[in-house]
Amino acid sequence: MAKQKRPRDPNQLAKLITDLSTGEITEPKPEKNAAAVALGRLGGLKGGKARAANLSPEKRKAIAKKAAASRWNKKED
């Protein structure tokens, strides 16, 4: 389902924004493909464990050290 375009006319756009903010109309939520959601979740659930299983202890230690150094070396702006 394609997202509905907003009006280009400033007056129509102002009316749309007013209607949305007052709750007179609501923007439709995009529908998700259930099969794609399930597939993405499946990969997300096993991704970290599968990656950790394939890494050697030395490589995991190097990644952890790099992450810790990155956390501690953040500069305040």
N, C-alpha and C. Protein backbone atom coordinates (compact mmCIF):
# COMPACT_ATOMS: atom_id res chain seq x y z
N MET A 1 0.83 -1.17 0.00
CA MET A 1 0.00 0.00 0.00
C MET A 1 0.88 1.24 0.00
N ALA A 2 0.70 2.12 -0.96
CA ALA A 2 1.52 3.32 -1.08
C ALA A 2 1.08 4.36 -0.06
N LYS A 3 2.05 5.10 0.44
CA LYS A 3 1.76 6.15 1.40
C LYS A 3 1.06 7.30 0.68
N GLN A 4 0.03 7.85 1.32
CA GLN A 4 -0.71 8.93 0.71
C GLN A 4 0.14 10.20 0.73
N LYS A 5 0.16 10.91 -0.41
CA LYS A 5 0.97 12.12 -0.51
C LYS A 5 0.28 13.27 0.21
N ARG A 6 1.09 14.15 0.76
CA ARG A 6 0.56 15.34 1.41
C ARG A 6 0.28 16.39 0.34
N PRO A 7 -0.72 17.24 0.56
CA PRO A 7 -1.03 18.26 -0.44
C PRO A 7 0.10 19.28 -0.58
N ARG A 8 0.29 19.77 -1.79
CA ARG A 8 1.33 20.77 -2.05
C ARG A 8 0.83 22.18 -1.76
N ASP A 9 -0.48 22.36 -1.84
CA ASP A 9 -1.06 23.67 -1.58
C ASP A 9 -0.92 23.99 -0.08
N PRO A 10 -0.34 25.14 0.28
CA PRO A 10 -0.10 25.46 1.70
C PRO A 10 -1.39 25.48 2.54
N ASN A 11 -2.48 25.95 1.95
CA ASN A 11 -3.74 26.01 2.70
C ASN A 11 -4.29 24.61 2.98
N GLN A 12 -4.21 23.74 1.99
CA GLN A 12 -4.68 22.37 2.19
C GLN A 12 -3.79 21.63 3.18
N LEU A 13 -2.48 21.90 3.10
CA LEU A 13 -1.54 21.28 4.03
C LEU A 13 -1.82 21.75 5.46
N ALA A 14 -2.09 23.04 5.63
CA ALA A 14 -2.40 23.58 6.95
C ALA A 14 -3.67 22.93 7.50
N LYS A 15 -4.66 22.75 6.65
CA LYS A 15 -5.92 22.12 7.07
C LYS A 15 -5.65 20.67 7.49
N LEU A 16 -4.83 19.95 6.72
CA LEU A 16 -4.51 18.57 7.06
C LEU A 16 -3.79 18.49 8.40
N ILE A 17 -2.82 19.37 8.60
CA ILE A 17 -2.06 19.36 9.86
C ILE A 17 -2.97 19.68 11.03
N THR A 18 -3.87 20.64 10.85
CA THR A 18 -4.82 21.00 11.91
C THR A 18 -5.73 19.82 12.23
N ASP A 19 -6.24 19.17 11.19
CA ASP A 19 -7.11 18.02 11.41
C ASP A 19 -6.38 16.88 12.12
N LEU A 20 -5.13 16.66 11.75
CA LEU A 20 -4.35 15.61 12.40
C LEU A 20 -4.09 15.94 13.87
N SER A 21 -3.75 17.20 14.16
CA SER A 21 -3.42 17.58 15.53
C SER A 21 -4.65 17.61 16.43
N THR A 22 -5.83 17.90 15.88
CA THR A 22 -7.05 17.92 16.70
C THR A 22 -7.71 16.55 16.78
N GLY A 23 -7.24 15.60 15.99
CA GLY A 23 -7.78 14.25 16.03
C GLY A 23 -9.01 14.05 15.17
N GLU A 24 -9.34 15.01 14.32
CA GLU A 24 -10.50 14.84 13.45
C GLU A 24 -10.27 13.72 12.44
N ILE A 25 -9.02 13.58 11.98
CA ILE A 25 -8.64 12.48 11.10
C ILE A 25 -7.36 11.87 11.64
N THR A 26 -7.09 10.65 11.25
CA THR A 26 -5.84 10.00 11.65
C THR A 26 -5.13 9.51 10.40
N GLU A 27 -3.81 9.47 10.50
CA GLU A 27 -3.03 8.94 9.38
C GLU A 27 -3.10 7.41 9.43
N PRO A 28 -3.33 6.78 8.29
CA PRO A 28 -3.37 5.31 8.31
C PRO A 28 -1.98 4.73 8.55
N LYS A 29 -1.92 3.69 9.36
CA LYS A 29 -0.66 3.01 9.62
C LYS A 29 -0.36 2.08 8.46
N PRO A 30 0.88 2.07 7.98
CA PRO A 30 1.20 1.14 6.88
C PRO A 30 1.10 -0.30 7.37
N GLU A 31 0.51 -1.15 6.53
CA GLU A 31 0.37 -2.55 6.88
C GLU A 31 1.67 -3.28 6.59
N LYS A 32 2.04 -4.17 7.49
CA LYS A 32 3.27 -4.93 7.32
C LYS A 32 2.94 -6.32 6.81
N ASN A 33 3.85 -6.84 6.01
CA ASN A 33 3.71 -8.20 5.51
C ASN A 33 4.07 -9.16 6.65
N ALA A 34 3.11 -9.97 7.09
CA ALA A 34 3.31 -10.86 8.23
C ALA A 34 4.45 -11.85 7.99
N ALA A 35 4.58 -12.33 6.77
CA ALA A 35 5.65 -13.28 6.47
C ALA A 35 7.02 -12.62 6.59
N ALA A 36 7.13 -11.38 6.14
CA ALA A 36 8.40 -10.66 6.22
C ALA A 36 8.75 -10.36 7.68
N VAL A 37 7.76 -10.00 8.47
CA VAL A 37 7.98 -9.73 9.89
C VAL A 37 8.48 -10.98 10.60
N ALA A 38 7.85 -12.11 10.32
CA ALA A 38 8.24 -13.37 10.95
C ALA A 38 9.66 -13.77 10.55
N LEU A 39 9.98 -13.59 9.29
CA LEU A 39 11.31 -13.95 8.81
C LEU A 39 12.38 -13.06 9.44
N GLY A 40 12.11 -11.76 9.52
CA GLY A 40 13.06 -10.84 10.14
C GLY A 40 13.26 -11.12 11.61
N ARG A 41 12.17 -11.45 12.29
CA ARG A 41 12.26 -11.77 13.71
C ARG A 41 13.06 -13.06 13.92
N LEU A 42 12.84 -14.02 13.07
CA LEU A 42 13.55 -15.29 13.18
C LEU A 42 15.06 -15.06 13.08
N GLY A 43 15.47 -14.28 12.10
CA GLY A 43 16.89 -14.00 11.95
C GLY A 43 17.44 -13.19 13.11
N GLY A 44 16.64 -12.25 13.62
CA GLY A 44 17.07 -11.41 14.73
C GLY A 44 17.23 -12.19 16.02
N LEU A 45 16.39 -13.20 16.22
CA LEU A 45 16.46 -13.98 17.45
C LEU A 45 17.70 -14.85 17.52
N LYS A 46 18.14 -15.36 16.36
CA LYS A 46 19.29 -16.27 16.40
C LYS A 46 20.59 -15.59 15.97
N GLY A 47 20.55 -14.36 15.50
CA GLY A 47 21.72 -13.71 14.94
C GLY A 47 22.90 -13.57 15.88
N GLY A 48 22.67 -13.01 17.07
CA GLY A 48 23.77 -12.79 18.01
C GLY A 48 24.38 -14.07 18.50
N LYS A 49 23.54 -15.05 18.80
CA LYS A 49 24.04 -16.34 19.30
C LYS A 49 24.84 -17.06 18.22
N ALA A 50 24.34 -17.01 16.98
CA ALA A 50 25.05 -17.68 15.89
C ALA A 50 26.40 -17.02 15.64
N ARG A 51 26.42 -15.68 15.71
CA ARG A 51 27.69 -14.97 15.49
C ARG A 51 28.67 -15.29 16.60
N ALA A 52 28.21 -15.30 17.85
CA ALA A 52 29.09 -15.60 18.98
C ALA A 52 29.64 -17.02 18.89
N ALA A 53 28.83 -17.94 18.41
CA ALA A 53 29.28 -19.33 18.30
C ALA A 53 30.39 -19.47 17.26
N ASN A 54 30.39 -18.63 16.25
CA ASN A 54 31.39 -18.73 15.19
C ASN A 54 32.67 -17.97 15.51
N LEU A 55 32.66 -17.12 16.54
CA LEU A 55 33.85 -16.35 16.87
C LEU A 55 34.74 -17.12 17.84
N SER A 56 36.04 -16.94 17.67
CA SER A 56 36.97 -17.54 18.62
C SER A 56 36.99 -16.67 19.88
N PRO A 57 37.41 -17.24 21.00
CA PRO A 57 37.47 -16.44 22.24
C PRO A 57 38.37 -15.21 22.09
N GLU A 58 39.45 -15.34 21.34
CA GLU A 58 40.35 -14.19 21.15
C GLU A 58 39.66 -13.07 20.37
N LYS A 59 38.92 -13.46 19.34
CA LYS A 59 38.22 -12.46 18.52
C LYS A 59 37.12 -11.77 19.33
N ARG A 60 36.39 -12.55 20.14
CA ARG A 60 35.35 -11.96 21.01
C ARG A 60 35.97 -10.97 21.99
N LYS A 61 37.14 -11.33 22.53
CA LYS A 61 37.83 -10.46 23.48
C LYS A 61 38.26 -9.16 22.80
N ALA A 62 38.76 -9.27 21.56
CA ALA A 62 39.18 -8.07 20.83
C ALA A 62 37.99 -7.15 20.54
N ILE A 63 36.86 -7.74 20.18
CA ILE A 63 35.65 -6.94 19.91
C ILE A 63 35.20 -6.25 21.19
N ALA A 64 35.23 -6.97 22.32
CA ALA A 64 34.81 -6.40 23.60
C ALA A 64 35.72 -5.26 24.02
N LYS A 65 37.04 -5.43 23.82
CA LYS A 65 37.98 -4.36 24.17
C LYS A 65 37.75 -3.12 23.33
N LYS A 66 37.50 -3.31 22.04
CA LYS A 66 37.25 -2.19 21.15
C LYS A 66 35.98 -1.45 21.57
N ALA A 67 34.93 -2.20 21.93
CA ALA A 67 33.68 -1.59 22.36
C ALA A 67 33.86 -0.81 23.65
N ALA A 68 34.61 -1.38 24.60
CA ALA A 68 34.85 -0.69 25.87
C ALA A 68 35.66 0.58 25.64
N ALA A 69 36.67 0.50 24.80
CA ALA A 69 37.48 1.69 24.51
C ALA A 69 36.64 2.77 23.85
N SER A 70 35.75 2.35 22.98
CA SER A 70 34.87 3.30 22.30
C SER A 70 33.95 3.99 23.30
N ARG A 71 33.44 3.23 24.26
CA ARG A 71 32.55 3.82 25.28
C ARG A 71 33.30 4.82 26.15
N TRP A 72 34.51 4.48 26.55
CA TRP A 72 35.26 5.33 27.48
C TRP A 72 35.91 6.53 26.80
N ASN A 73 36.15 6.44 25.49
CA ASN A 73 36.85 7.53 24.81
C ASN A 73 35.92 8.52 24.12
N LYS A 74 34.63 8.51 24.46
CA LYS A 74 33.71 9.48 23.86
C LYS A 74 34.09 10.87 24.34
N LYS A 75 34.09 11.80 23.40
CA LYS A 75 34.42 13.18 23.73
C LYS A 75 33.15 13.97 23.97
N GLU A 76 33.16 14.83 24.98
CA GLU A 76 32.02 15.69 25.29
C GLU A 76 32.05 16.87 24.34
N ASP A 77 30.93 17.13 23.67
CA ASP A 77 30.85 18.26 22.75
C ASP A 77 30.35 19.50 23.44
